[in-house]
Amino acid sequence: AGLVLAQLGPLAEILVTAILVAQKSLMQHVQDVAQSLRLSLAAGRRSVAMIVGRDTAQMDAPQVARGAIESAAENFSDGIAAPVFWFALAGLPGVIIYKMINTADSMIGYKNETYRDFGWACARLDDLLNWAPARLSAFGIWLITGCRTSWGTIISEAKLHRSPNAGWPEAAMAYALDISLSGPRSYEGKFEKFPWVNAAGRKNIGPVEIEKSIQTLWLTWGAMTLLVAGMTLAFLL
């Protein structure tokens, strides 16, 4: 499909790629959590339940905020940076293959009896395809927010995360906003004591921090767009 669409010319490539890069919908979903949390804790829980896989019924306000910010940071990498990265490397076939694998991971990439036999393959492939974009996303967030800690610290904190990729943009965002992310949470009724990323950061957070994370990601996205545009012009000239 990617090869066929590419034959229609640059306009077709731009349109298809724009559809597959989800920056606007991501930011809107995260903004909805901030707005809902301002209304009530129950509304915040309902909104964050739409974008996270953890249990939300017993979340307090800071946990709702952390869930939204973590989802924003992680999905900035795999929903925005990664499609652009694979389009740059392999054109429309590259971005379509990436989106297929990433969507499959979201649907069946779970270590349970129902999905284990099929889910492991798309989960591992998704990890592989997101390896470089996750680190580039973290570097972009770290750079655009003024390098508030050393890059070595980001590397160390990213390794605390259970995911080989999600910890990178989350660590960069945690230090950019001076907040703690990750930490204890519940999945399918089972409480997990995951380590904190930036354990010394603020833990009492809310809608303000959610909105700051959105602003940070828009700035990072803008910088990425200018960089890609500049590289394209340099190549054409």
Protein backbone atom coordinates (compact mmCIF):
# COMPACT_ATOMS: atom_id res chain seq x y z
CA ALA A 1 0.00 0.00 0.00
CA GLY A 2 2.82 2.38 0.85
CA LEU A 3 4.60 1.74 -2.43
CA VAL A 4 1.40 2.29 -4.42
CA LEU A 5 0.48 5.50 -2.59
CA ALA A 6 4.01 6.84 -2.99
CA GLN A 7 3.56 6.67 -6.77
CA LEU A 8 0.82 9.32 -6.49
CA GLY A 9 3.43 11.92 -5.63
CA PRO A 10 4.56 14.08 -2.69
CA LEU A 11 1.07 15.39 -1.86
CA ALA A 12 -0.24 11.86 -1.27
CA GLU A 13 2.78 11.08 0.88
CA ILE A 14 2.24 14.22 2.96
CA LEU A 15 -1.48 13.51 3.46
CA VAL A 16 -1.02 9.86 4.46
CA THR A 17 1.86 10.65 6.79
CA ALA A 18 -0.10 13.50 8.41
CA ILE A 19 -2.94 11.05 9.12
CA LEU A 20 -0.52 8.56 10.70
CA VAL A 21 1.24 11.15 12.93
CA ALA A 22 -1.06 11.64 15.90
CA GLN A 23 0.19 14.77 17.62
CA LYS A 24 -3.10 16.71 17.71
CA SER A 25 -5.27 13.86 19.02
CA LEU A 26 -2.64 12.92 21.61
CA MET A 27 -2.47 16.44 22.99
CA GLN A 28 -6.27 16.73 23.01
CA HIS A 29 -6.72 13.51 25.00
CA VAL A 30 -4.16 14.64 27.57
CA GLN A 31 -5.69 18.13 27.77
CA ASP A 32 -9.07 16.49 28.43
CA VAL A 33 -7.61 14.86 31.54
CA ALA A 34 -6.44 18.23 32.88
CA GLN A 35 -9.83 19.81 32.23
CA SER A 36 -11.71 16.88 33.77
CA LEU A 37 -9.48 16.84 36.85
CA ARG A 38 -10.32 20.50 37.42
CA LEU A 39 -14.00 19.54 37.50
CA SER A 40 -13.66 16.59 39.89
CA LEU A 41 -11.47 13.63 40.78
CA ALA A 42 -14.09 11.23 39.40
CA ALA A 43 -14.10 13.04 36.05
CA GLY A 44 -10.30 12.98 35.96
CA ARG A 45 -10.31 9.23 36.59
CA ARG A 46 -12.76 8.68 33.74
CA SER A 47 -10.66 10.73 31.32
CA VAL A 48 -7.33 9.17 32.21
CA ALA A 49 -8.86 5.67 31.94
CA MET A 50 -9.18 6.33 28.20
CA ILE A 51 -5.43 6.66 27.70
CA VAL A 52 -3.79 4.36 30.29
CA GLY A 53 -3.90 0.62 30.93
CA ARG A 54 -3.56 0.73 34.73
CA ASP A 55 -6.41 0.59 37.25
CA THR A 56 -7.94 4.03 37.70
CA ALA A 57 -10.88 3.55 40.11
CA GLN A 58 -8.85 4.31 43.26
CA MET A 59 -6.44 6.90 41.85
CA ASP A 60 -5.89 10.15 43.73
CA ALA A 61 -5.39 13.43 41.83
CA PRO A 62 -1.56 13.23 41.59
CA GLN A 63 -1.82 9.67 40.27
CA VAL A 64 -4.28 10.82 37.59
CA ALA A 65 -1.88 13.61 36.63
CA ARG A 66 1.09 11.24 36.51
CA GLY A 67 -0.84 8.82 34.32
CA ALA A 68 -1.68 11.58 31.86
CA ILE A 69 1.87 12.96 31.74
CA GLU A 70 3.45 9.52 31.37
CA SER A 71 1.04 8.67 28.57
CA ALA A 72 1.81 11.98 26.86
CA ALA A 73 5.58 11.44 27.05
CA GLU A 74 5.49 7.81 25.93
CA ASN A 75 3.01 8.39 23.12
CA PHE A 76 4.95 11.41 21.90
CA SER A 77 7.70 8.93 21.12
CA ASP A 78 5.71 6.10 19.56
CA GLY A 79 2.83 8.15 18.13
CA ILE A 80 4.73 11.14 16.76
CA ALA A 81 8.52 10.81 16.69
CA ALA A 82 8.61 7.16 15.57
CA PRO A 83 6.33 7.54 12.52
CA VAL A 84 8.35 10.56 11.38
CA PHE A 85 11.59 8.65 11.99
CA TRP A 86 10.49 5.64 9.94
CA PHE A 87 9.07 7.82 7.17
CA ALA A 88 12.43 9.58 6.95
CA LEU A 89 14.23 6.24 6.70
CA ALA A 90 11.86 4.21 4.53
CA GLY A 91 9.11 6.44 3.15
CA LEU A 92 5.45 5.45 3.27
CA PRO A 93 6.17 1.69 3.43
CA GLY A 94 8.29 2.33 6.53
CA VAL A 95 5.71 4.41 8.39
CA ILE A 96 2.84 2.03 7.49
CA ILE A 97 4.76 -1.04 8.65
CA TYR A 98 5.65 0.78 11.87
CA LYS A 99 2.02 1.77 12.54
CA MET A 100 0.83 -1.80 11.91
CA ILE A 101 3.29 -3.21 14.45
CA ASN A 102 2.67 -0.43 16.98
CA THR A 103 -1.11 -0.89 16.76
CA ALA A 104 -0.76 -4.66 17.10
CA ASP A 105 1.34 -4.14 20.23
CA SER A 106 -1.37 -1.89 21.70
CA MET A 107 -4.06 -4.47 20.95
CA ILE A 108 -2.45 -7.82 21.82
CA GLY A 109 1.05 -7.13 23.19
CA TYR A 110 0.26 -8.49 26.65
CA LYS A 111 1.86 -11.26 28.70
CA ASN A 112 -1.33 -13.12 29.56
CA GLU A 113 -2.88 -16.45 28.58
CA THR A 114 -5.09 -14.90 25.92
CA TYR A 115 -2.41 -13.09 23.94
CA ARG A 116 0.96 -14.56 24.94
CA ASP A 117 1.53 -16.71 21.84
CA PHE A 118 0.97 -13.83 19.42
CA GLY A 119 1.46 -10.77 21.58
CA TRP A 120 5.12 -11.39 22.38
CA ALA A 121 6.16 -11.04 18.72
CA CYS A 122 4.56 -7.66 18.08
CA ALA A 123 5.67 -6.43 21.52
CA ARG A 124 9.31 -7.26 20.81
CA LEU A 125 9.13 -5.85 17.28
CA ASP A 126 7.58 -2.67 18.66
CA ASP A 127 10.42 -2.39 21.19
CA LEU A 128 12.94 -2.76 18.36
CA LEU A 129 11.32 -0.18 16.07
CA ASN A 130 10.93 2.33 18.92
CA TRP A 131 14.49 1.98 20.22
CA ALA A 132 15.94 4.96 18.33
CA PRO A 133 12.82 7.21 18.35
CA ALA A 134 12.45 6.87 22.14
CA ARG A 135 15.99 8.09 22.73
CA LEU A 136 15.67 10.86 20.15
CA SER A 137 12.43 12.00 21.81
CA ALA A 138 14.10 12.11 25.20
CA PHE A 139 17.03 14.04 23.78
CA GLY A 140 14.64 16.54 22.15
CA ILE A 141 12.70 17.11 25.39
CA TRP A 142 15.94 17.40 27.38
CA LEU A 143 17.41 19.89 24.91
CA ILE A 144 14.33 22.08 24.39
CA THR A 145 13.79 22.46 28.16
CA GLY A 146 17.30 23.69 28.83
CA CYS A 147 19.16 20.52 29.86
CA ARG A 148 18.05 20.83 33.50
CA THR A 149 20.04 17.77 34.48
CA SER A 150 22.88 15.88 32.87
CA TRP A 151 22.20 13.54 29.94
CA GLY A 152 23.85 10.81 31.99
CA THR A 153 21.15 11.22 34.63
CA ILE A 154 18.44 10.77 31.97
CA ILE A 155 20.15 7.57 30.83
CA SER A 156 20.34 6.22 34.40
CA GLU A 157 16.74 7.11 35.25
CA ALA A 158 15.39 5.71 31.98
CA LYS A 159 16.79 2.30 32.94
CA LEU A 160 14.59 2.26 36.07
CA HIS A 161 11.50 1.90 33.89
CA ARG A 162 10.16 -1.58 33.14
CA SER A 163 9.97 -0.72 29.43
CA PRO A 164 13.19 -0.52 27.39
CA ASN A 165 11.87 2.58 25.60
CA ALA A 166 9.09 4.34 27.55
CA GLY A 167 11.46 5.31 30.36
CA TRP A 168 13.46 7.61 28.08
CA PRO A 169 10.86 10.30 27.27
CA GLU A 170 9.34 9.87 30.74
CA ALA A 171 12.69 10.50 32.43
CA ALA A 172 13.30 13.56 30.26
CA MET A 173 9.82 14.89 31.05
CA ALA A 174 10.20 14.20 34.79
CA TYR A 175 13.34 16.33 34.98
CA ALA A 176 11.97 18.98 32.62
CA LEU A 177 9.04 19.57 35.01
CA ASP A 178 10.89 18.66 38.24
CA ILE A 179 8.32 15.96 39.08
CA SER A 180 8.39 12.27 39.92
CA LEU A 181 6.91 9.83 37.40
CA SER A 182 6.30 6.08 37.28
CA GLY A 183 6.21 4.73 40.85
CA PRO A 184 3.65 2.37 42.45
CA ARG A 185 0.43 1.61 40.60
CA SER A 186 -2.14 -1.17 40.12
CA TYR A 187 -2.79 -3.36 37.07
CA GLU A 188 -5.79 -5.71 36.93
CA GLY A 189 -6.18 -5.52 40.69
CA LYS A 190 -2.50 -6.27 41.39
CA PHE A 191 -0.47 -3.53 43.11
CA GLU A 192 3.04 -3.11 41.70
CA LYS A 193 5.85 -1.22 43.46
CA PHE A 194 7.63 0.20 40.45
CA PRO A 195 10.54 2.56 41.21
CA TRP A 196 10.13 6.30 40.88
CA VAL A 197 11.74 8.13 37.98
CA ASN A 198 13.27 11.32 39.45
CA ALA A 199 12.36 10.23 42.97
CA ALA A 200 13.40 13.61 44.40
CA GLY A 201 10.94 15.49 42.19
CA ARG A 202 7.54 16.85 43.25
CA LYS A 203 4.84 14.21 43.71
CA ASN A 204 1.88 16.45 44.56
CA ILE A 205 0.96 17.41 41.00
CA GLY A 206 -2.22 18.15 39.06
CA PRO A 207 -3.71 19.90 36.01
CA VAL A 208 -1.02 22.60 35.88
CA GLU A 209 1.74 20.01 35.43
CA ILE A 210 -0.31 18.16 32.81
CA GLU A 211 -0.63 21.36 30.80
CA LYS A 212 3.08 22.10 31.19
CA SER A 213 3.86 18.66 29.77
CA ILE A 214 1.64 19.44 26.76
CA GLN A 215 3.46 22.76 26.21
CA THR A 216 6.79 20.96 26.44
CA LEU A 217 5.78 18.41 23.84
CA TRP A 218 4.46 21.08 21.46
CA LEU A 219 7.78 22.91 21.75
CA THR A 220 9.69 19.70 21.11
CA TRP A 221 7.47 18.87 18.15
CA GLY A 222 8.00 22.36 16.75
CA ALA A 223 11.77 22.00 17.06
CA MET A 224 11.65 18.59 15.37
CA THR A 225 9.58 20.04 12.52
CA LEU A 226 12.03 22.89 11.96
CA LEU A 227 14.95 20.46 12.05
CA VAL A 228 13.38 18.15 9.46
CA ALA A 229 12.40 21.12 7.28
CA GLY A 230 15.94 22.48 7.46
CA MET A 231 17.46 19.12 6.56
CA THR A 232 15.03 18.78 3.63
CA LEU A 233 15.91 22.22 2.27
CA ALA A 234 19.62 21.51 2.65
CA PHE A 235 19.18 18.25 0.74
CA LEU A 236 17.18 19.92 -2.06
CA LEU A 237 19.64 22.79 -2.42
